[in-house]
Amino acid sequence: MSRIAVVGAGITGVTTAYALARRGFNVTVLERHRYAAMETSFANGGQLSASNAEVWNSRATVLKGLRWMFRRQAPLLMNPRPSWHKYSWIGEF
């Protein structure tokens, strides 16, 4: 088996395809979106945070995030300028 199809061009799919290609396989990556990493990898930027084990949609975490927006050295920053794309993303999140 020298030809392999990888479904999904997120961080895992692209990394897997790269590793297989380096091993000499003929790899095809299939992605339903126009660009790579536009679904699950897009939402978290491919970030894995073992130290952040709290639930993102808990009331306490949301309030913490809102307080961070007013600190210059916050671990989470968001430009409050209105944007339909930004606010629709927040709604989906």
PDB file of N, CA and C in Angstrom:
ATOM      1  N   MET A   1       0.861  -1.177   0.000  1.00  0.00           N
ATOM      2  CA  MET A   1       0.000   0.000   0.000  1.00  0.00           C
ATOM      3  C   MET A   1       0.904   1.235   0.000  1.00  0.00           C
ATOM      4  N   SER A   2       1.035   1.877  -1.145  1.00  0.00           N
ATOM      5  CA  SER A   2       1.888   3.059  -1.221  1.00  0.00           C
ATOM      6  C   SER A   2       1.103   4.343  -1.416  1.00  0.00           C
ATOM      7  N   ARG A   3      -0.211   4.234  -1.599  1.00  0.00           N
ATOM      8  CA  ARG A   3      -1.049   5.423  -1.758  1.00  0.00           C
ATOM      9  C   ARG A   3      -2.010   5.505  -0.583  1.00  0.00           C
ATOM     10  N   ILE A   4      -2.038   6.672   0.071  1.00  0.00           N
ATOM     11  CA  ILE A   4      -2.877   6.852   1.256  1.00  0.00           C
ATOM     12  C   ILE A   4      -3.651   8.155   1.124  1.00  0.00           C
ATOM     13  N   ALA A   5      -4.922   8.135   1.524  1.00  0.00           N
ATOM     14  CA  ALA A   5      -5.750   9.343   1.566  1.00  0.00           C
ATOM     15  C   ALA A   5      -5.953   9.713   3.028  1.00  0.00           C
ATOM     16  N   VAL A   6      -5.711  10.968   3.345  1.00  0.00           N
ATOM     17  CA  VAL A   6      -5.949  11.494   4.686  1.00  0.00           C
ATOM     18  C   VAL A   6      -7.160  12.412   4.585  1.00  0.00           C
ATOM     19  N   VAL A   7      -8.182  12.150   5.396  1.00  0.00           N
ATOM     20  CA  VAL A   7      -9.406  12.948   5.359  1.00  0.00           C
ATOM     21  C   VAL A   7      -9.314  14.020   6.429  1.00  0.00           C
ATOM     22  N   GLY A   8      -9.295  15.278   6.001  1.00  0.00           N
ATOM     23  CA  GLY A   8      -9.224  16.410   6.922  1.00  0.00           C
ATOM     24  C   GLY A   8      -7.849  17.048   6.932  1.00  0.00           C
ATOM     25  N   ALA A   9      -7.825  18.354   6.673  1.00  0.00           N
ATOM     26  CA  ALA A   9      -6.564  19.094   6.621  1.00  0.00           C
ATOM     27  C   ALA A   9      -6.387  19.974   7.850  1.00  0.00           C
ATOM     28  N   GLY A  10      -6.810  19.452   8.993  1.00  0.00           N
ATOM     29  CA  GLY A  10      -6.541  20.140  10.253  1.00  0.00           C
ATOM     30  C   GLY A  10      -5.126  19.823  10.703  1.00  0.00           C
ATOM     31  N   ILE A  11      -4.801  20.194  11.912  1.00  0.00           N
ATOM     32  CA  ILE A  11      -3.439  19.991  12.405  1.00  0.00           C
ATOM     33  C   ILE A  11      -3.074  18.513  12.420  1.00  0.00           C
ATOM     34  N   THR A  12      -4.005  17.651  12.799  1.00  0.00           N
ATOM     35  CA  THR A  12      -3.712  16.218  12.841  1.00  0.00           C
ATOM     36  C   THR A  12      -3.583  15.631  11.439  1.00  0.00           C
ATOM     37  N   GLY A  13      -4.495  16.006  10.542  1.00  0.00           N
ATOM     38  CA  GLY A  13      -4.442  15.489   9.182  1.00  0.00           C
ATOM     39  C   GLY A  13      -3.187  15.913   8.447  1.00  0.00           C
ATOM     40  N   VAL A  14      -2.835  17.179   8.542  1.00  0.00           N
ATOM     41  CA  VAL A  14      -1.645  17.678   7.844  1.00  0.00           C
ATOM     42  C   VAL A  14      -0.374  17.059   8.430  1.00  0.00           C
ATOM     43  N   THR A  15      -0.317  16.951   9.745  1.00  0.00           N
ATOM     44  CA  THR A  15       0.850  16.357  10.389  1.00  0.00           C
ATOM     45  C   THR A  15       0.987  14.884   9.997  1.00  0.00           C
ATOM     46  N   THR A  16      -0.125  14.172   9.979  1.00  0.00           N
ATOM     47  CA  THR A  16      -0.105  12.763   9.584  1.00  0.00           C
ATOM     48  C   THR A  16       0.335  12.621   8.132  1.00  0.00           C
ATOM     49  N   ALA A  17      -0.219  13.448   7.252  1.00  0.00           N
ATOM     50  CA  ALA A  17       0.150  13.396   5.831  1.00  0.00           C
ATOM     51  C   ALA A  17       1.638  13.684   5.649  1.00  0.00           C
ATOM     52  N   TYR A  18       2.154  14.651   6.372  1.00  0.00           N
ATOM     53  CA  TYR A  18       3.576  15.002   6.282  1.00  0.00           C
ATOM     54  C   TYR A  18       4.452  13.822   6.716  1.00  0.00           C
ATOM     55  N   ALA A  19       4.095  13.204   7.846  1.00  0.00           N
ATOM     56  CA  ALA A  19       4.886  12.079   8.355  1.00  0.00           C
ATOM     57  C   ALA A  19       4.854  10.900   7.375  1.00  0.00           C
ATOM     58  N   LEU A  20       3.692  10.632   6.805  1.00  0.00           N
ATOM     59  CA  LEU A  20       3.588   9.545   5.835  1.00  0.00           C
ATOM     60  C   LEU A  20       4.371   9.845   4.562  1.00  0.00           C
ATOM     61  N   ALA A  21       4.305  11.084   4.083  1.00  0.00           N
ATOM     62  CA  ALA A  21       5.048  11.468   2.880  1.00  0.00           C
ATOM     63  C   ALA A  21       6.553  11.337   3.097  1.00  0.00           C
ATOM     64  N   ARG A  22       7.010  11.691   4.285  1.00  0.00           N
ATOM     65  CA  ARG A  22       8.447  11.547   4.604  1.00  0.00           C
ATOM     66  C   ARG A  22       8.877  10.087   4.617  1.00  0.00           C
ATOM     67  N   ARG A  23       7.924   9.199   4.872  1.00  0.00           N
ATOM     68  CA  ARG A  23       8.219   7.760   4.873  1.00  0.00           C
ATOM     69  C   ARG A  23       8.078   7.138   3.477  1.00  0.00           C
ATOM     70  N   GLY A  24       7.802   7.962   2.478  1.00  0.00           N
ATOM     71  CA  GLY A  24       7.771   7.484   1.106  1.00  0.00           C
ATOM     72  C   GLY A  24       6.406   7.145   0.544  1.00  0.00           C
ATOM     73  N   PHE A  25       5.339   7.406   1.294  1.00  0.00           N
ATOM     74  CA  PHE A  25       4.005   7.123   0.789  1.00  0.00           C
ATOM     75  C   PHE A  25       3.524   8.252  -0.114  1.00  0.00           C
ATOM     76  N   ASN A  26       2.670   7.910  -1.063  1.00  0.00           N
ATOM     77  CA  ASN A  26       2.023   8.898  -1.919  1.00  0.00           C
ATOM     78  C   ASN A  26       0.748   9.308  -1.193  1.00  0.00           C
ATOM     79  N   VAL A  27       0.697  10.526  -0.667  1.00  0.00           N
ATOM     80  CA  VAL A  27      -0.391  10.961   0.208  1.00  0.00           C
ATOM     81  C   VAL A  27      -1.253  12.011  -0.490  1.00  0.00           C
ATOM     82  N   THR A  28      -2.569  11.835  -0.378  1.00  0.00           N
ATOM     83  CA  THR A  28      -3.531  12.826  -0.844  1.00  0.00           C
ATOM     84  C   THR A  28      -4.341  13.271   0.366  1.00  0.00           C
ATOM     85  N   VAL A  29      -4.420  14.584   0.580  1.00  0.00           N
ATOM     86  CA  VAL A  29      -5.199  15.130   1.692  1.00  0.00           C
ATOM     87  C   VAL A  29      -6.516  15.656   1.129  1.00  0.00           C
ATOM     88  N   LEU A  30      -7.619  15.187   1.702  1.00  0.00           N
ATOM     89  CA  LEU A  30      -8.950  15.614   1.277  1.00  0.00           C
ATOM     90  C   LEU A  30      -9.529  16.553   2.333  1.00  0.00           C
ATOM     91  N   GLU A  31      -9.984  17.716   1.901  1.00  0.00           N
ATOM     92  CA  GLU A  31     -10.533  18.716   2.819  1.00  0.00           C
ATOM     93  C   GLU A  31     -11.784  19.318   2.196  1.00  0.00           C
ATOM     94  N   ARG A  32     -12.864  19.407   2.943  1.00  0.00           N
ATOM     95  CA  ARG A  32     -14.108  19.941   2.386  1.00  0.00           C
ATOM     96  C   ARG A  32     -14.149  21.464   2.348  1.00  0.00           C
ATOM     97  N   HIS A  33     -13.302  22.126   3.124  1.00  0.00           N
ATOM     98  CA  HIS A  33     -13.258  23.588   3.115  1.00  0.00           C
ATOM     99  C   HIS A  33     -12.229  24.082   2.102  1.00  0.00           C
ATOM    100  N   ARG A  34     -12.278  25.356   1.806  1.00  0.00           N
ATOM    101  CA  ARG A  34     -11.371  25.922   0.807  1.00  0.00           C
ATOM    102  C   ARG A  34      -9.915  25.903   1.276  1.00  0.00           C
ATOM    103  N   TYR A  35      -9.688  26.111   2.576  1.00  0.00           N
ATOM    104  CA  TYR A  35      -8.338  26.158   3.121  1.00  0.00           C
ATOM    105  C   TYR A  35      -8.179  25.123   4.225  1.00  0.00           C
ATOM    106  N   ALA A  36      -6.947  24.806   4.514  1.00  0.00           N
ATOM    107  CA  ALA A  36      -6.657  23.858   5.604  1.00  0.00           C
ATOM    108  C   ALA A  36      -6.982  24.497   6.953  1.00  0.00           C
ATOM    109  N   ALA A  37      -7.296  23.650   7.920  1.00  0.00           N
ATOM    110  CA  ALA A  37      -7.495  24.058   9.327  1.00  0.00           C
ATOM    111  C   ALA A  37      -8.635  25.060   9.509  1.00  0.00           C
ATOM    112  N   MET A  38      -9.699  24.918   8.756  1.00  0.00           N
ATOM    113  CA  MET A  38     -10.814  25.855   8.874  1.00  0.00           C
ATOM    114  C   MET A  38     -11.985  25.292   9.682  1.00  0.00           C
ATOM    115  N   GLU A  39     -11.760  24.217  10.428  1.00  0.00           N
ATOM    116  CA  GLU A  39     -12.847  23.700  11.247  1.00  0.00           C
ATOM    117  C   GLU A  39     -12.352  23.576  12.683  1.00  0.00           C
ATOM    118  N   THR A  40     -12.110  22.390  13.173  1.00  0.00           N
ATOM    119  CA  THR A  40     -11.724  22.273  14.585  1.00  0.00           C
ATOM    120  C   THR A  40     -10.367  22.904  14.860  1.00  0.00           C
ATOM    121  N   SER A  41      -9.421  22.744  13.954  1.00  0.00           N
ATOM    122  CA  SER A  41      -8.114  23.358  14.175  1.00  0.00           C
ATOM    123  C   SER A  41      -8.214  24.878  14.140  1.00  0.00           C
ATOM    124  N   PHE A  42      -9.137  25.400  13.333  1.00  0.00           N
ATOM    125  CA  PHE A  42      -9.316  26.847  13.242  1.00  0.00           C
ATOM    126  C   PHE A  42      -9.797  27.424  14.569  1.00  0.00           C
ATOM    127  N   ALA A  43     -10.685  26.697  15.227  1.00  0.00           N
ATOM    128  CA  ALA A  43     -11.270  27.222  16.453  1.00  0.00           C
ATOM    129  C   ALA A  43     -10.270  27.343  17.592  1.00  0.00           C
ATOM    130  N   ASN A  44      -9.340  26.414  17.669  1.00  0.00           N
ATOM    131  CA  ASN A  44      -8.374  26.500  18.764  1.00  0.00           C
ATOM    132  C   ASN A  44      -6.957  26.712  18.278  1.00  0.00           C
ATOM    133  N   GLY A  45      -6.782  26.949  17.010  1.00  0.00           N
ATOM    134  CA  GLY A  45      -5.450  27.230  16.486  1.00  0.00           C
ATOM    135  C   GLY A  45      -4.502  26.049  16.599  1.00  0.00           C
ATOM    136  N   GLY A  46      -5.024  24.861  16.738  1.00  0.00           N
ATOM    137  CA  GLY A  46      -4.168  23.700  16.889  1.00  0.00           C
ATOM    138  C   GLY A  46      -3.501  23.635  18.245  1.00  0.00           C
ATOM    139  N   GLN A  47      -3.991  24.402  19.168  1.00  0.00           N
ATOM    140  CA  GLN A  47      -3.370  24.487  20.492  1.00  0.00           C
ATOM    141  C   GLN A  47      -3.834  23.359  21.390  1.00  0.00           C
ATOM    142  N   LEU A  48      -2.878  22.698  22.027  1.00  0.00           N
ATOM    143  CA  LEU A  48      -3.178  21.699  23.049  1.00  0.00           C
ATOM    144  C   LEU A  48      -2.659  22.255  24.363  1.00  0.00           C
ATOM    145  N   SER A  49      -3.532  22.418  25.334  1.00  0.00           N
ATOM    146  CA  SER A  49      -3.143  23.017  26.608  1.00  0.00           C
ATOM    147  C   SER A  49      -3.458  22.058  27.741  1.00  0.00           C
ATOM    148  N   ALA A  50      -2.465  21.288  28.124  1.00  0.00           N
ATOM    149  CA  ALA A  50      -2.677  20.336  29.218  1.00  0.00           C
ATOM    150  C   ALA A  50      -2.923  21.052  30.533  1.00  0.00           C
ATOM    151  N   SER A  51      -2.445  22.278  30.647  1.00  0.00           N
ATOM    152  CA  SER A  51      -2.585  22.999  31.911  1.00  0.00           C
ATOM    153  C   SER A  51      -3.955  23.674  32.060  1.00  0.00           C
ATOM    154  N   ASN A  52      -4.703  23.809  30.982  1.00  0.00           N
ATOM    155  CA  ASN A  52      -6.007  24.468  31.050  1.00  0.00           C
ATOM    156  C   ASN A  52      -7.094  23.407  30.939  1.00  0.00           C
ATOM    157  N   ALA A  53      -7.479  22.857  32.074  1.00  0.00           N
ATOM    158  CA  ALA A  53      -8.440  21.760  32.078  1.00  0.00           C
ATOM    159  C   ALA A  53      -9.851  22.214  32.432  1.00  0.00           C
ATOM    160  N   GLU A  54     -10.084  23.522  32.546  1.00  0.00           N
ATOM    161  CA  GLU A  54     -11.427  23.972  32.888  1.00  0.00           C
ATOM    162  C   GLU A  54     -12.306  24.054  31.647  1.00  0.00           C
ATOM    163  N   VAL A  55     -13.599  23.933  31.848  1.00  0.00           N
ATOM    164  CA  VAL A  55     -14.558  23.949  30.751  1.00  0.00           C
ATOM    165  C   VAL A  55     -14.713  25.383  30.244  1.00  0.00           C
ATOM    166  N   TRP A  56     -14.622  25.561  28.927  1.00  0.00           N
ATOM    167  CA  TRP A  56     -14.667  26.902  28.350  1.00  0.00           C
ATOM    168  C   TRP A  56     -16.038  27.548  28.465  1.00  0.00           C
ATOM    169  N   ASN A  57     -17.099  26.782  28.476  1.00  0.00           N
ATOM    170  CA  ASN A  57     -18.425  27.401  28.489  1.00  0.00           C
ATOM    171  C   ASN A  57     -19.027  27.482  29.890  1.00  0.00           C
ATOM    172  N   SER A  58     -18.216  27.352  30.923  1.00  0.00           N
ATOM    173  CA  SER A  58     -18.745  27.536  32.274  1.00  0.00           C
ATOM    174  C   SER A  58     -18.875  29.031  32.563  1.00  0.00           C
ATOM    175  N   ARG A  59     -19.793  29.382  33.410  1.00  0.00           N
ATOM    176  CA  ARG A  59     -20.036  30.789  33.745  1.00  0.00           C
ATOM    177  C   ARG A  59     -18.760  31.437  34.302  1.00  0.00           C
ATOM    178  N   ALA A  60     -18.037  30.733  35.175  1.00  0.00           N
ATOM    179  CA  ALA A  60     -16.824  31.282  35.792  1.00  0.00           C
ATOM    180  C   ALA A  60     -15.749  31.577  34.743  1.00  0.00           C
ATOM    181  N   THR A  61     -15.599  30.697  33.769  1.00  0.00           N
ATOM    182  CA  THR A  61     -14.581  30.901  32.733  1.00  0.00           C
ATOM    183  C   THR A  61     -14.945  32.071  31.829  1.00  0.00           C
ATOM    184  N   VAL A  62     -16.219  32.188  31.478  1.00  0.00           N
ATOM    185  CA  VAL A  62     -16.667  33.310  30.640  1.00  0.00           C
ATOM    186  C   VAL A  62     -16.420  34.632  31.368  1.00  0.00           C
ATOM    187  N   LEU A  63     -16.748  34.710  32.651  1.00  0.00           N
ATOM    188  CA  LEU A  63     -16.515  35.944  33.420  1.00  0.00           C
ATOM    189  C   LEU A  63     -15.033  36.251  33.522  1.00  0.00           C
ATOM    190  N   LYS A  64     -14.218  35.217  33.717  1.00  0.00           N
ATOM    191  CA  LYS A  64     -12.762  35.411  33.781  1.00  0.00           C
ATOM    192  C   LYS A  64     -12.258  35.990  32.455  1.00  0.00           C
ATOM    193  N   GLY A  65     -12.751  35.438  31.345  1.00  0.00           N
ATOM    194  CA  GLY A  65     -12.351  35.935  30.030  1.00  0.00           C
ATOM    195  C   GLY A  65     -12.749  37.381  29.810  1.00  0.00           C
ATOM    196  N   LEU A  66     -13.942  37.762  30.253  1.00  0.00           N
ATOM    197  CA  LEU A  66     -14.384  39.152  30.121  1.00  0.00           C
ATOM    198  C   LEU A  66     -13.502  40.090  30.946  1.00  0.00           C
ATOM    199  N   ARG A  67     -13.119  39.673  32.144  1.00  0.00           N
ATOM    200  CA  ARG A  67     -12.225  40.504  32.972  1.00  0.00           C
ATOM    201  C   ARG A  67     -10.849  40.646  32.321  1.00  0.00           C
ATOM    202  N   TRP A  68     -10.379  39.589  31.689  1.00  0.00           N
ATOM    203  CA  TRP A  68      -9.070  39.636  31.038  1.00  0.00           C
ATOM    204  C   TRP A  68      -9.032  40.663  29.914  1.00  0.00           C
ATOM    205  N   MET A  69     -10.155  40.907  29.269  1.00  0.00           N
ATOM    206  CA  MET A  69     -10.168  41.828  28.134  1.00  0.00           C
ATOM    207  C   MET A  69      -9.707  43.233  28.516  1.00  0.00           C
ATOM    208  N   PHE A  70      -9.745  43.559  29.785  1.00  0.00           N
ATOM    209  CA  PHE A  70      -9.371  44.914  30.224  1.00  0.00           C
ATOM    210  C   PHE A  70      -7.971  44.962  30.836  1.00  0.00           C
ATOM    211  N   ARG A  71      -7.218  43.868  30.739  1.00  0.00           N
ATOM    212  CA  ARG A  71      -5.839  43.834  31.240  1.00  0.00           C
ATOM    213  C   ARG A  71      -4.873  43.834  30.070  1.00  0.00           C
ATOM    214  N   ARG A  72      -3.838  44.627  30.171  1.00  0.00           N
ATOM    215  CA  ARG A  72      -2.874  44.756  29.080  1.00  0.00           C
ATOM    216  C   ARG A  72      -2.124  43.439  28.809  1.00  0.00           C
ATOM    217  N   GLN A  73      -1.758  42.717  29.838  1.00  0.00           N
ATOM    218  CA  GLN A  73      -0.999  41.474  29.688  1.00  0.00           C
ATOM    219  C   GLN A  73      -1.890  40.240  29.874  1.00  0.00           C
ATOM    220  N   ALA A  74      -3.090  40.298  29.398  1.00  0.00           N
ATOM    221  CA  ALA A  74      -4.055  39.212  29.585  1.00  0.00           C
ATOM    222  C   ALA A  74      -3.645  37.972  28.783  1.00  0.00           C
ATOM    223  N   PRO A  75      -3.931  36.775  29.307  1.00  0.00           N
ATOM    224  CA  PRO A  75      -3.663  35.554  28.542  1.00  0.00           C
ATOM    225  C   PRO A  75      -4.663  35.351  27.404  1.00  0.00           C
ATOM    226  N   LEU A  76      -5.767  36.083  27.425  1.00  0.00           N
ATOM    227  CA  LEU A  76      -6.771  36.027  26.369  1.00  0.00           C
ATOM    228  C   LEU A  76      -7.112  37.458  25.990  1.00  0.00           C
ATOM    229  N   LEU A  77      -6.863  37.821  24.754  1.00  0.00           N
ATOM    230  CA  LEU A  77      -7.162  39.177  24.289  1.00  0.00           C
ATOM    231  C   LEU A  77      -8.115  39.110  23.101  1.00  0.00           C
ATOM    232  N   MET A  78      -9.015  40.068  23.039  1.00  0.00           N
ATOM    233  CA  MET A  78      -9.922  40.167  21.910  1.00  0.00           C
ATOM    234  C   MET A  78     -10.187  41.641  21.634  1.00  0.00           C
ATOM    235  N   ASN A  79     -10.001  42.021  20.404  1.00  0.00           N
ATOM    236  CA  ASN A  79     -10.311  43.389  20.005  1.00  0.00           C
ATOM    237  C   ASN A  79     -11.826  43.553  20.007  1.00  0.00           C
ATOM    238  N   PRO A  80     -12.379  44.474  20.814  1.00  0.00           N
ATOM    239  CA  PRO A  80     -13.841  44.594  20.906  1.00  0.00           C
ATOM    240  C   PRO A  80     -14.491  45.287  19.708  1.00  0.00           C
ATOM    241  N   ARG A  81     -13.708  45.699  18.704  1.00  0.00           N
ATOM    242  CA  ARG A  81     -14.288  46.360  17.533  1.00  0.00           C
ATOM    243  C   ARG A  81     -15.345  45.453  16.901  1.00  0.00           C
ATOM    244  N   PRO A  82     -16.528  45.984  16.601  1.00  0.00           N
ATOM    245  CA  PRO A  82     -17.610  45.159  16.043  1.00  0.00           C
ATOM    246  C   PRO A  82     -17.228  44.504  14.713  1.00  0.00           C
ATOM    247  N   SER A  83     -17.573  43.251  14.594  1.00  0.00           N
ATOM    248  CA  SER A  83     -17.352  42.502  13.363  1.00  0.00           C
ATOM    249  C   SER A  83     -18.345  41.345  13.347  1.00  0.00           C
ATOM    250  N   TRP A  84     -19.133  41.237  12.289  1.00  0.00           N
ATOM    251  CA  TRP A  84     -20.109  40.158  12.201  1.00  0.00           C
ATOM    252  C   TRP A  84     -19.426  38.794  12.282  1.00  0.00           C
ATOM    253  N   HIS A  85     -18.304  38.648  11.595  1.00  0.00           N
ATOM    254  CA  HIS A  85     -17.585  37.375  11.600  1.00  0.00           C
ATOM    255  C   HIS A  85     -17.156  37.002  13.024  1.00  0.00           C
ATOM    256  N   LYS A  86     -16.616  37.975  13.745  1.00  0.00           N
ATOM    257  CA  LYS A  86     -16.147  37.717  15.114  1.00  0.00           C
ATOM    258  C   LYS A  86     -17.303  37.332  16.033  1.00  0.00           C
ATOM    259  N   TYR A  87     -18.382  38.096  15.997  1.00  0.00           N
ATOM    260  CA  TYR A  87     -19.478  37.829  16.906  1.00  0.00           C
ATOM    261  C   TYR A  87     -20.245  36.549  16.521  1.00  0.00           C
ATOM    262  N   SER A  88     -20.305  36.214  15.244  1.00  0.00           N
ATOM    263  CA  SER A  88     -20.929  34.938  14.863  1.00  0.00           C
ATOM    264  C   SER A  88     -20.064  33.777  15.335  1.00  0.00           C
ATOM    265  N   TRP A  89     -18.725  33.933  15.276  1.00  0.00           N
ATOM    266  CA  TRP A  89     -17.826  32.894  15.781  1.00  0.00           C
ATOM    267  C   TRP A  89     -18.020  32.707  17.289  1.00  0.00           C
ATOM    268  N   ILE A  90     -18.119  33.829  18.022  1.00  0.00           N
ATOM    269  CA  ILE A  90     -18.318  33.757  19.466  1.00  0.00           C
ATOM    270  C   ILE A  90     -19.646  33.047  19.770  1.00  0.00           C
ATOM    271  N   GLY A  91     -20.693  33.373  18.993  1.00  0.00           N
ATOM    272  CA  GLY A  91     -21.982  32.722  19.195  1.00  0.00           C
ATOM    273  C   GLY A  91     -21.916  31.223  18.964  1.00  0.00           C
ATOM    274  N   GLU A  92     -21.185  30.801  17.925  1.00  0.00           N
ATOM    275  CA  GLU A  92     -21.032  29.378  17.665  1.00  0.00           C
ATOM    276  C   GLU A  92     -20.189  28.708  18.737  1.00  0.00           C
ATOM    277  N   PHE A  93     -19.191  29.426  19.219  1.00  0.00           N
ATOM    278  CA  PHE A  93     -18.294  28.875  20.246  1.00  0.00           C
ATOM    279  C   PHE A  93     -19.049  28.592  21.520  1.00  0.00           C
TER     280      PHE A  93
END
